[in-house]
PDB file of N, CA and C in Angstrom:
ATOM      1  N   UNK A   1     -66.808 -71.056 -49.519  1.00  0.00           N
ATOM      2  CA  UNK A   1     -66.229 -70.227 -48.488  1.00  0.00           C
ATOM      3  C   UNK A   1     -65.637 -71.090 -47.374  1.00  0.00           C
ATOM      4  N   UNK A   2     -66.345 -72.150 -47.030  1.00  0.00           N
ATOM      5  CA  UNK A   2     -65.871 -73.029 -45.966  1.00  0.00           C
ATOM      6  C   UNK A   2     -64.611 -73.772 -46.380  1.00  0.00           C
ATOM      7  N   UNK A   3     -64.475 -74.076 -47.666  1.00  0.00           N
ATOM      8  CA  UNK A   3     -63.287 -74.805 -48.110  1.00  0.00           C
ATOM      9  C   UNK A   3     -62.031 -73.944 -47.971  1.00  0.00           C
ATOM     10  N   UNK A   4     -62.157 -72.636 -48.071  1.00  0.00           N
ATOM     11  CA  UNK A   4     -61.000 -71.760 -47.872  1.00  0.00           C
ATOM     12  C   UNK A   4     -60.517 -71.822 -46.425  1.00  0.00           C
ATOM     13  N   UNK A   5     -61.449 -71.798 -45.493  1.00  0.00           N
ATOM     14  CA  UNK A   5     -61.074 -71.884 -44.087  1.00  0.00           C
ATOM     15  C   UNK A   5     -60.422 -73.221 -43.768  1.00  0.00           C
ATOM     16  N   UNK A   6     -60.946 -74.271 -44.334  1.00  0.00           N
ATOM     17  CA  UNK A   6     -60.367 -75.601 -44.105  1.00  0.00           C
ATOM     18  C   UNK A   6     -58.963 -75.664 -44.702  1.00  0.00           C
ATOM     19  N   UNK A   7     -58.800 -75.154 -45.911  1.00  0.00           N
ATOM     20  CA  UNK A   7     -57.482 -75.157 -46.550  1.00  0.00           C
ATOM     21  C   UNK A   7     -56.497 -74.283 -45.768  1.00  0.00           C
ATOM     22  N   UNK A   8     -56.927 -73.134 -45.298  1.00  0.00           N
ATOM     23  CA  UNK A   8     -56.049 -72.256 -44.530  1.00  0.00           C
ATOM     24  C   UNK A   8     -55.653 -72.889 -43.203  1.00  0.00           C
ATOM     25  N   UNK A   9     -56.597 -73.542 -42.541  1.00  0.00           N
ATOM     26  CA  UNK A   9     -56.305 -74.200 -41.268  1.00  0.00           C
ATOM     27  C   UNK A   9     -55.342 -75.359 -41.465  1.00  0.00           C
ATOM     28  N   UNK A  10     -55.590 -76.175 -42.478  1.00  0.00           N
ATOM     29  CA  UNK A  10     -54.689 -77.295 -42.744  1.00  0.00           C
ATOM     30  C   UNK A  10     -53.304 -76.813 -43.150  1.00  0.00           C
ATOM     31  N   UNK A  11     -53.237 -75.745 -43.918  1.00  0.00           N
ATOM     32  CA  UNK A  11     -51.938 -75.187 -44.297  1.00  0.00           C
ATOM     33  C   UNK A  11     -51.172 -74.683 -43.086  1.00  0.00           C
ATOM     34  N   UNK A  12     -51.853 -73.999 -42.178  1.00  0.00           N
ATOM     35  CA  UNK A  12     -51.205 -73.500 -40.968  1.00  0.00           C
ATOM     36  C   UNK A  12     -50.735 -74.646 -40.082  1.00  0.00           C
ATOM     37  N   UNK A  13     -51.547 -75.688 -39.972  1.00  0.00           N
ATOM     38  CA  UNK A  13     -51.148 -76.853 -39.170  1.00  0.00           C
ATOM     39  C   UNK A  13     -49.950 -77.561 -39.786  1.00  0.00           C
ATOM     40  N   UNK A  14     -49.937 -77.714 -41.101  1.00  0.00           N
ATOM     41  CA  UNK A  14     -48.806 -78.363 -41.759  1.00  0.00           C
ATOM     42  C   UNK A  14     -47.530 -77.545 -41.570  1.00  0.00           C
ATOM     43  N   UNK A  15     -47.649 -76.239 -41.662  1.00  0.00           N
ATOM     44  CA  UNK A  15     -46.491 -75.371 -41.456  1.00  0.00           C
ATOM     45  C   UNK A  15     -45.995 -75.451 -40.017  1.00  0.00           C
ATOM     46  N   UNK A  16     -46.912 -75.456 -39.073  1.00  0.00           N
ATOM     47  CA  UNK A  16     -46.545 -75.543 -37.660  1.00  0.00           C
ATOM     48  C   UNK A  16     -45.851 -76.856 -37.352  1.00  0.00           C
ATOM     49  N   UNK A  17     -46.425 -77.961 -37.783  1.00  0.00           N
ATOM     50  CA  UNK A  17     -45.810 -79.261 -37.518  1.00  0.00           C
ATOM     51  C   UNK A  17     -44.505 -79.423 -38.274  1.00  0.00           C
ATOM     52  N   UNK A  18     -44.434 -78.895 -39.467  1.00  0.00           N
ATOM     53  CA  UNK A  18     -43.192 -78.968 -40.230  1.00  0.00           C
ATOM     54  C   UNK A  18     -42.056 -78.217 -39.558  1.00  0.00           C
ATOM     55  N   UNK A  19     -42.356 -77.027 -39.025  1.00  0.00           N
ATOM     56  CA  UNK A  19     -41.315 -76.259 -38.342  1.00  0.00           C
ATOM     57  C   UNK A  19     -40.914 -76.894 -37.012  1.00  0.00           C
ATOM     58  N   UNK A  20     -41.867 -77.464 -36.299  1.00  0.00           N
ATOM     59  CA  UNK A  20     -41.514 -78.088 -35.018  1.00  0.00           C
ATOM     60  C   UNK A  20     -40.642 -79.319 -35.230  1.00  0.00           C
ATOM     61  N   UNK A  21     -40.798 -79.989 -36.349  1.00  0.00           N
ATOM     62  CA  UNK A  21     -39.943 -81.133 -36.627  1.00  0.00           C
ATOM     63  C   UNK A  21     -38.602 -80.722 -37.229  1.00  0.00           C
ATOM     64  N   UNK A  22     -38.570 -79.636 -37.971  1.00  0.00           N
ATOM     65  CA  UNK A  22     -37.348 -79.238 -38.663  1.00  0.00           C
ATOM     66  C   UNK A  22     -36.414 -78.421 -37.781  1.00  0.00           C
ATOM     67  N   UNK A  23     -36.924 -77.641 -36.861  1.00  0.00           N
ATOM     68  CA  UNK A  23     -36.081 -76.749 -36.059  1.00  0.00           C
ATOM     69  C   UNK A  23     -35.077 -77.507 -35.200  1.00  0.00           C
ATOM     70  N   UNK A  24     -35.449 -78.577 -34.490  1.00  0.00           N
ATOM     71  CA  UNK A  24     -34.436 -79.262 -33.685  1.00  0.00           C
ATOM     72  C   UNK A  24     -33.302 -79.852 -34.517  1.00  0.00           C
ATOM     73  N   UNK A  25     -33.569 -80.235 -35.740  1.00  0.00           N
ATOM     74  CA  UNK A  25     -32.529 -80.819 -36.576  1.00  0.00           C
ATOM     75  C   UNK A  25     -31.689 -79.738 -37.250  1.00  0.00           C
ATOM     76  N   UNK A  26     -32.202 -78.537 -37.362  1.00  0.00           N
ATOM     77  CA  UNK A  26     -31.478 -77.495 -38.062  1.00  0.00           C
ATOM     78  C   UNK A  26     -30.587 -76.640 -37.174  1.00  0.00           C
ATOM     79  N   UNK A  27     -30.774 -76.677 -35.856  1.00  0.00           N
ATOM     80  CA  UNK A  27     -29.991 -75.817 -34.983  1.00  0.00           C
ATOM     81  C   UNK A  27     -28.616 -76.379 -34.676  1.00  0.00           C
ATOM     82  N   UNK A  28     -28.479 -77.649 -34.560  1.00  0.00           N
ATOM     83  CA  UNK A  28     -27.217 -78.257 -34.150  1.00  0.00           C
ATOM     84  C   UNK A  28     -26.536 -78.849 -35.367  1.00  0.00           C
ATOM     85  N   UNK A  29     -25.351 -78.363 -35.674  1.00  0.00           N
ATOM     86  CA  UNK A  29     -24.630 -78.840 -36.849  1.00  0.00           C
ATOM     87  C   UNK A  29     -23.482 -79.733 -36.407  1.00  0.00           C
ATOM     88  N   UNK A  30     -23.369 -80.898 -37.014  1.00  0.00           N
ATOM     89  CA  UNK A  30     -22.276 -81.802 -36.698  1.00  0.00           C
ATOM     90  C   UNK A  30     -21.912 -82.570 -37.957  1.00  0.00           C
ATOM     91  N   UNK A  31     -20.666 -82.477 -38.351  1.00  0.00           N
ATOM     92  CA  UNK A  31     -20.215 -83.184 -39.534  1.00  0.00           C
ATOM     93  C   UNK A  31     -19.937 -84.643 -39.182  1.00  0.00           C
ATOM     94  N   UNK A  32     -19.648 -85.444 -40.194  1.00  0.00           N
ATOM     95  CA  UNK A  32     -19.392 -86.859 -39.965  1.00  0.00           C
ATOM     96  C   UNK A  32     -18.111 -87.047 -39.155  1.00  0.00           C
ATOM     97  N   UNK A  33     -18.234 -87.595 -37.962  1.00  0.00           N
ATOM     98  CA  UNK A  33     -17.078 -87.903 -37.141  1.00  0.00           C
ATOM     99  C   UNK A  33     -16.423 -86.703 -36.483  1.00  0.00           C
ATOM    100  N   UNK A  34     -16.994 -85.520 -36.599  1.00  0.00           N
ATOM    101  CA  UNK A  34     -16.411 -84.321 -36.014  1.00  0.00           C
ATOM    102  C   UNK A  34     -17.316 -83.866 -34.879  1.00  0.00           C
ATOM    103  N   UNK A  35     -16.735 -83.644 -33.716  1.00  0.00           N
ATOM    104  CA  UNK A  35     -17.546 -83.221 -32.579  1.00  0.00           C
ATOM    105  C   UNK A  35     -17.902 -81.746 -32.697  1.00  0.00           C
ATOM    106  N   UNK A  36     -18.723 -81.296 -31.811  1.00  0.00           N
ATOM    107  CA  UNK A  36     -19.171 -79.909 -31.815  1.00  0.00           C
ATOM    108  C   UNK A  36     -17.998 -78.980 -31.527  1.00  0.00           C
ATOM    109  N   UNK A  37     -18.028 -77.760 -32.052  1.00  0.00           N
ATOM    110  CA  UNK A  37     -16.922 -76.838 -31.808  1.00  0.00           C
ATOM    111  C   UNK A  37     -16.848 -76.424 -30.339  1.00  0.00           C
ATOM    112  N   UNK A  38     -15.635 -76.177 -29.879  1.00  0.00           N
ATOM    113  CA  UNK A  38     -15.415 -75.733 -28.512  1.00  0.00           C
ATOM    114  C   UNK A  38     -15.205 -74.227 -28.556  1.00  0.00           C
ATOM    115  N   UNK A  39     -16.037 -73.500 -27.842  1.00  0.00           N
ATOM    116  CA  UNK A  39     -15.947 -72.052 -27.837  1.00  0.00           C
ATOM    117  C   UNK A  39     -15.117 -71.601 -26.646  1.00  0.00           C
ATOM    118  N   UNK A  40     -14.052 -70.852 -26.946  1.00  0.00           N
ATOM    119  CA  UNK A  40     -13.212 -70.298 -25.893  1.00  0.00           C
ATOM    120  C   UNK A  40     -13.679 -68.889 -25.579  1.00  0.00           C
ATOM    121  N   UNK A  41     -13.453 -68.447 -24.355  1.00  0.00           N
ATOM    122  CA  UNK A  41     -13.802 -67.057 -24.058  1.00  0.00           C
ATOM    123  C   UNK A  41     -12.876 -66.115 -24.824  1.00  0.00           C
ATOM    124  N   UNK A  42     -13.369 -64.967 -25.160  1.00  0.00           N
ATOM    125  CA  UNK A  42     -12.588 -64.008 -25.933  1.00  0.00           C
ATOM    126  C   UNK A  42     -11.418 -63.503 -25.103  1.00  0.00           C
ATOM    127  N   UNK A  43     -10.241 -63.446 -25.725  1.00  0.00           N
ATOM    128  CA  UNK A  43      -9.060 -62.941 -25.040  1.00  0.00           C
ATOM    129  C   UNK A  43      -8.872 -61.449 -25.286  1.00  0.00           C
ATOM    130  N   UNK A  44      -9.348 -60.984 -26.430  1.00  0.00           N
ATOM    131  CA  UNK A  44      -9.191 -59.581 -26.799  1.00  0.00           C
ATOM    132  C   UNK A  44     -10.509 -59.054 -27.347  1.00  0.00           C
ATOM    133  N   UNK A  45     -10.616 -57.747 -27.370  1.00  0.00           N
ATOM    134  CA  UNK A  45     -11.790 -57.128 -27.978  1.00  0.00           C
ATOM    135  C   UNK A  45     -11.336 -55.907 -28.772  1.00  0.00           C
ATOM    136  N   UNK A  46     -12.058 -55.631 -29.835  1.00  0.00           N
ATOM    137  CA  UNK A  46     -11.737 -54.480 -30.686  1.00  0.00           C
ATOM    138  C   UNK A  46     -12.534 -53.282 -30.197  1.00  0.00           C
ATOM    139  N   UNK A  47     -11.811 -52.198 -29.970  1.00  0.00           N
ATOM    140  CA  UNK A  47     -12.431 -50.956 -29.519  1.00  0.00           C
ATOM    141  C   UNK A  47     -12.528 -50.008 -30.704  1.00  0.00           C
ATOM    142  N   UNK A  48     -13.650 -49.359 -30.851  1.00  0.00           N
ATOM    143  CA  UNK A  48     -13.888 -48.452 -31.972  1.00  0.00           C
ATOM    144  C   UNK A  48     -14.391 -47.132 -31.414  1.00  0.00           C
ATOM    145  N   UNK A  49     -13.640 -46.076 -31.684  1.00  0.00           N
ATOM    146  CA  UNK A  49     -14.057 -44.735 -31.260  1.00  0.00           C
ATOM    147  C   UNK A  49     -15.047 -44.181 -32.271  1.00  0.00           C
ATOM    148  N   UNK A  50     -15.967 -43.361 -31.840  1.00  0.00           N
ATOM    149  CA  UNK A  50     -16.927 -42.782 -32.780  1.00  0.00           C
ATOM    150  C   UNK A  50     -16.235 -41.858 -33.770  1.00  0.00           C
ATOM    151  N   UNK A  51     -16.780 -41.748 -34.945  1.00  0.00           N
ATOM    152  CA  UNK A  51     -16.214 -40.877 -35.970  1.00  0.00           C
ATOM    153  C   UNK A  51     -16.374 -39.422 -35.551  1.00  0.00           C
ATOM    154  N   UNK A  52     -15.387 -38.637 -35.873  1.00  0.00           N
ATOM    155  CA  UNK A  52     -15.437 -37.213 -35.535  1.00  0.00           C
ATOM    156  C   UNK A  52     -16.374 -36.485 -36.492  1.00  0.00           C
ATOM    157  N   UNK A  53     -16.957 -35.423 -36.043  1.00  0.00           N
ATOM    158  CA  UNK A  53     -17.913 -34.702 -36.881  1.00  0.00           C
ATOM    159  C   UNK A  53     -17.230 -33.883 -37.946  1.00  0.00           C
ATOM    160  N   UNK A  54     -15.931 -33.642 -37.851  1.00  0.00           N
ATOM    161  CA  UNK A  54     -15.255 -32.822 -38.862  1.00  0.00           C
ATOM    162  C   UNK A  54     -14.581 -33.649 -39.939  1.00  0.00           C
ATOM    163  N   UNK A  55     -14.954 -34.888 -40.076  1.00  0.00           N
ATOM    164  CA  UNK A  55     -14.542 -35.666 -41.232  1.00  0.00           C
ATOM    165  C   UNK A  55     -13.500 -36.725 -40.980  1.00  0.00           C
ATOM    166  N   UNK A  56     -13.002 -36.854 -39.784  1.00  0.00           N
ATOM    167  CA  UNK A  56     -12.029 -37.913 -39.514  1.00  0.00           C
ATOM    168  C   UNK A  56     -12.757 -39.248 -39.397  1.00  0.00           C
ATOM    169  N   UNK A  57     -12.073 -40.306 -39.797  1.00  0.00           N
ATOM    170  CA  UNK A  57     -12.677 -41.628 -39.728  1.00  0.00           C
ATOM    171  C   UNK A  57     -12.648 -42.192 -38.321  1.00  0.00           C
ATOM    172  N   UNK A  58     -13.118 -43.388 -38.189  1.00  0.00           N
ATOM    173  CA  UNK A  58     -13.114 -44.049 -36.892  1.00  0.00           C
ATOM    174  C   UNK A  58     -11.713 -44.532 -36.547  1.00  0.00           C
ATOM    175  N   UNK A  59     -11.414 -44.575 -35.258  1.00  0.00           N
ATOM    176  CA  UNK A  59     -10.143 -45.085 -34.766  1.00  0.00           C
ATOM    177  C   UNK A  59     -10.391 -46.437 -34.127  1.00  0.00           C
ATOM    178  N   UNK A  60      -9.544 -47.419 -34.448  1.00  0.00           N
ATOM    179  CA  UNK A  60      -9.676 -48.771 -33.909  1.00  0.00           C
ATOM    180  C   UNK A  60      -8.431 -49.137 -33.132  1.00  0.00           C
ATOM    181  N   UNK A  61      -8.593 -49.874 -32.050  1.00  0.00           N
ATOM    182  CA  UNK A  61      -7.477 -50.442 -31.315  1.00  0.00           C
ATOM    183  C   UNK A  61      -7.972 -51.683 -30.594  1.00  0.00           C
ATOM    184  N   UNK A  62      -7.045 -52.487 -30.090  1.00  0.00           N
ATOM    185  CA  UNK A  62      -7.387 -53.771 -29.481  1.00  0.00           C
ATOM    186  C   UNK A  62      -6.994 -53.748 -28.014  1.00  0.00           C
ATOM    187  N   UNK A  63      -7.914 -54.190 -27.161  1.00  0.00           N
ATOM    188  CA  UNK A  63      -7.669 -54.296 -25.720  1.00  0.00           C
ATOM    189  C   UNK A  63      -7.898 -55.738 -25.277  1.00  0.00           C
ATOM    190  N   UNK A  64      -7.390 -56.055 -24.112  1.00  0.00           N
ATOM    191  CA  UNK A  64      -7.692 -57.357 -23.506  1.00  0.00           C
ATOM    192  C   UNK A  64      -9.165 -57.390 -23.124  1.00  0.00           C
ATOM    193  N   UNK A  65      -9.711 -58.583 -22.979  1.00  0.00           N
ATOM    194  CA  UNK A  65     -11.145 -58.711 -22.707  1.00  0.00           C
ATOM    195  C   UNK A  65     -11.520 -58.131 -21.353  1.00  0.00           C
ATOM    196  N   UNK A  66     -10.600 -58.147 -20.390  1.00  0.00           N
ATOM    197  CA  UNK A  66     -10.911 -57.657 -19.049  1.00  0.00           C
ATOM    198  C   UNK A  66     -10.682 -56.156 -18.907  1.00  0.00           C
ATOM    199  N   UNK A  67     -10.164 -55.496 -19.931  1.00  0.00           N
ATOM    200  CA  UNK A  67      -9.868 -54.076 -19.845  1.00  0.00           C
ATOM    201  C   UNK A  67     -11.012 -53.235 -20.403  1.00  0.00           C
ATOM    202  N   UNK A  68     -10.962 -51.942 -20.091  1.00  0.00           N
ATOM    203  CA  UNK A  68     -11.962 -50.994 -20.564  1.00  0.00           C
ATOM    204  C   UNK A  68     -11.369 -50.155 -21.688  1.00  0.00           C
ATOM    205  N   UNK A  69     -12.139 -49.933 -22.729  1.00  0.00           N
ATOM    206  CA  UNK A  69     -11.695 -49.103 -23.856  1.00  0.00           C
ATOM    207  C   UNK A  69     -11.934 -47.634 -23.522  1.00  0.00           C
ATOM    208  N   UNK A  70     -10.898 -46.825 -23.694  1.00  0.00           N
ATOM    209  CA  UNK A  70     -11.007 -45.392 -23.470  1.00  0.00           C
ATOM    210  C   UNK A  70     -10.454 -44.655 -24.678  1.00  0.00           C
ATOM    211  N   UNK A  71     -11.059 -43.524 -25.006  1.00  0.00           N
ATOM    212  CA  UNK A  71     -10.592 -42.732 -26.139  1.00  0.00           C
ATOM    213  C   UNK A  71     -10.442 -41.292 -25.699  1.00  0.00           C
ATOM    214  N   UNK A  72      -9.278 -40.719 -25.966  1.00  0.00           N
ATOM    215  CA  UNK A  72      -8.993 -39.334 -25.639  1.00  0.00           C
ATOM    216  C   UNK A  72      -9.191 -38.503 -26.904  1.00  0.00           C
ATOM    217  N   UNK A  73     -10.210 -37.659 -26.929  1.00  0.00           N
ATOM    218  CA  UNK A  73     -10.498 -36.862 -28.118  1.00  0.00           C
ATOM    219  C   UNK A  73      -9.452 -35.782 -28.354  1.00  0.00           C
ATOM    220  N   UNK A  74      -8.828 -35.304 -27.291  1.00  0.00           N
ATOM    221  CA  UNK A  74      -7.821 -34.264 -27.441  1.00  0.00           C
ATOM    222  C   UNK A  74      -6.567 -34.810 -28.124  1.00  0.00           C
ATOM    223  N   UNK A  75      -6.117 -35.973 -27.690  1.00  0.00           N
ATOM    224  CA  UNK A  75      -4.918 -36.587 -28.278  1.00  0.00           C
ATOM    225  C   UNK A  75      -5.241 -37.464 -29.484  1.00  0.00           C
ATOM    226  N   UNK A  76      -6.533 -37.716 -29.693  1.00  0.00           N
ATOM    227  CA  UNK A  76      -6.985 -38.615 -30.764  1.00  0.00           C
ATOM    228  C   UNK A  76      -6.302 -39.971 -30.663  1.00  0.00           C
ATOM    229  N   UNK A  77      -6.370 -40.552 -29.468  1.00  0.00           N
ATOM    230  CA  UNK A  77      -5.673 -41.805 -29.214  1.00  0.00           C
ATOM    231  C   UNK A  77      -6.524 -42.686 -28.298  1.00  0.00           C
ATOM    232  N   UNK A  78      -6.560 -43.961 -28.601  1.00  0.00           N
ATOM    233  CA  UNK A  78      -7.269 -44.911 -27.763  1.00  0.00           C
ATOM    234  C   UNK A  78      -6.325 -45.564 -26.775  1.00  0.00           C
ATOM    235  N   UNK A  79      -6.856 -45.947 -25.639  1.00  0.00           N
ATOM    236  CA  UNK A  79      -6.048 -46.621 -24.627  1.00  0.00           C
ATOM    237  C   UNK A  79      -6.887 -47.676 -23.937  1.00  0.00           C
ATOM    238  N   UNK A  80      -6.195 -48.559 -23.247  1.00  0.00           N
ATOM    239  CA  UNK A  80      -6.849 -49.639 -22.503  1.00  0.00           C
ATOM    240  C   UNK A  80      -6.540 -49.462 -21.024  1.00  0.00           C
ATOM    241  N   UNK A  81      -7.564 -49.446 -20.205  1.00  0.00           N
ATOM    242  CA  UNK A  81      -7.390 -49.313 -18.769  1.00  0.00           C
ATOM    243  C   UNK A  81      -7.936 -50.544 -18.076  1.00  0.00           C
ATOM    244  N   UNK A  82      -7.448 -50.772 -16.861  1.00  0.00           N
ATOM    245  CA  UNK A  82      -7.973 -51.885 -16.065  1.00  0.00           C
ATOM    246  C   UNK A  82      -9.447 -51.639 -15.784  1.00  0.00           C
ATOM    247  N   UNK A  83     -10.168 -52.708 -15.503  1.00  0.00           N
ATOM    248  CA  UNK A  83     -11.611 -52.589 -15.271  1.00  0.00           C
ATOM    249  C   UNK A  83     -11.931 -51.719 -14.066  1.00  0.00           C
ATOM    250  N   UNK A  84     -11.012 -51.623 -13.115  1.00  0.00           N
ATOM    251  CA  UNK A  84     -11.269 -50.828 -11.917  1.00  0.00           C
ATOM    252  C   UNK A  84     -11.027 -49.341 -12.147  1.00  0.00           C
ATOM    253  N   UNK A  85     -10.349 -48.951 -13.227  1.00  0.00           N
ATOM    254  CA  UNK A  85     -10.063 -47.551 -13.502  1.00  0.00           C
ATOM    255  C   UNK A  85     -11.171 -46.929 -14.336  1.00  0.00           C
ATOM    256  N   UNK A  86     -11.202 -45.587 -14.354  1.00  0.00           N
ATOM    257  CA  UNK A  86     -12.240 -44.866 -15.095  1.00  0.00           C
ATOM    258  C   UNK A  86     -11.621 -44.081 -16.231  1.00  0.00           C
ATOM    259  N   UNK A  87     -12.395 -43.876 -17.260  1.00  0.00           N
ATOM    260  CA  UNK A  87     -11.962 -43.061 -18.403  1.00  0.00           C
ATOM    261  C   UNK A  87     -12.317 -41.599 -18.129  1.00  0.00           C
ATOM    262  N   UNK A  88     -11.409 -40.704 -18.466  1.00  0.00           N
ATOM    263  CA  UNK A  88     -11.673 -39.266 -18.327  1.00  0.00           C
ATOM    264  C   UNK A  88     -11.596 -38.600 -19.657  1.00  0.00           C
TER     265      UNK A  88
END
């Protein structure tokens, strides 16, 4: 019975130490001679209106990143408004 506890403890310790050594090397990817990727801020965003309950599919349109996505259910049309404006 005691050997099971010893084996379980050693297994947990090996797993813990193995993950602590492997995680720092696995998070950062760098190819030979290639620097890390440069992430630019998003210039546009995709707006998706919810699907209608009577069987129409989703409507998609693209707005600038600083704009607000608005959808008019009456006209079934998406629009982009400035961040200071409100959707009605």
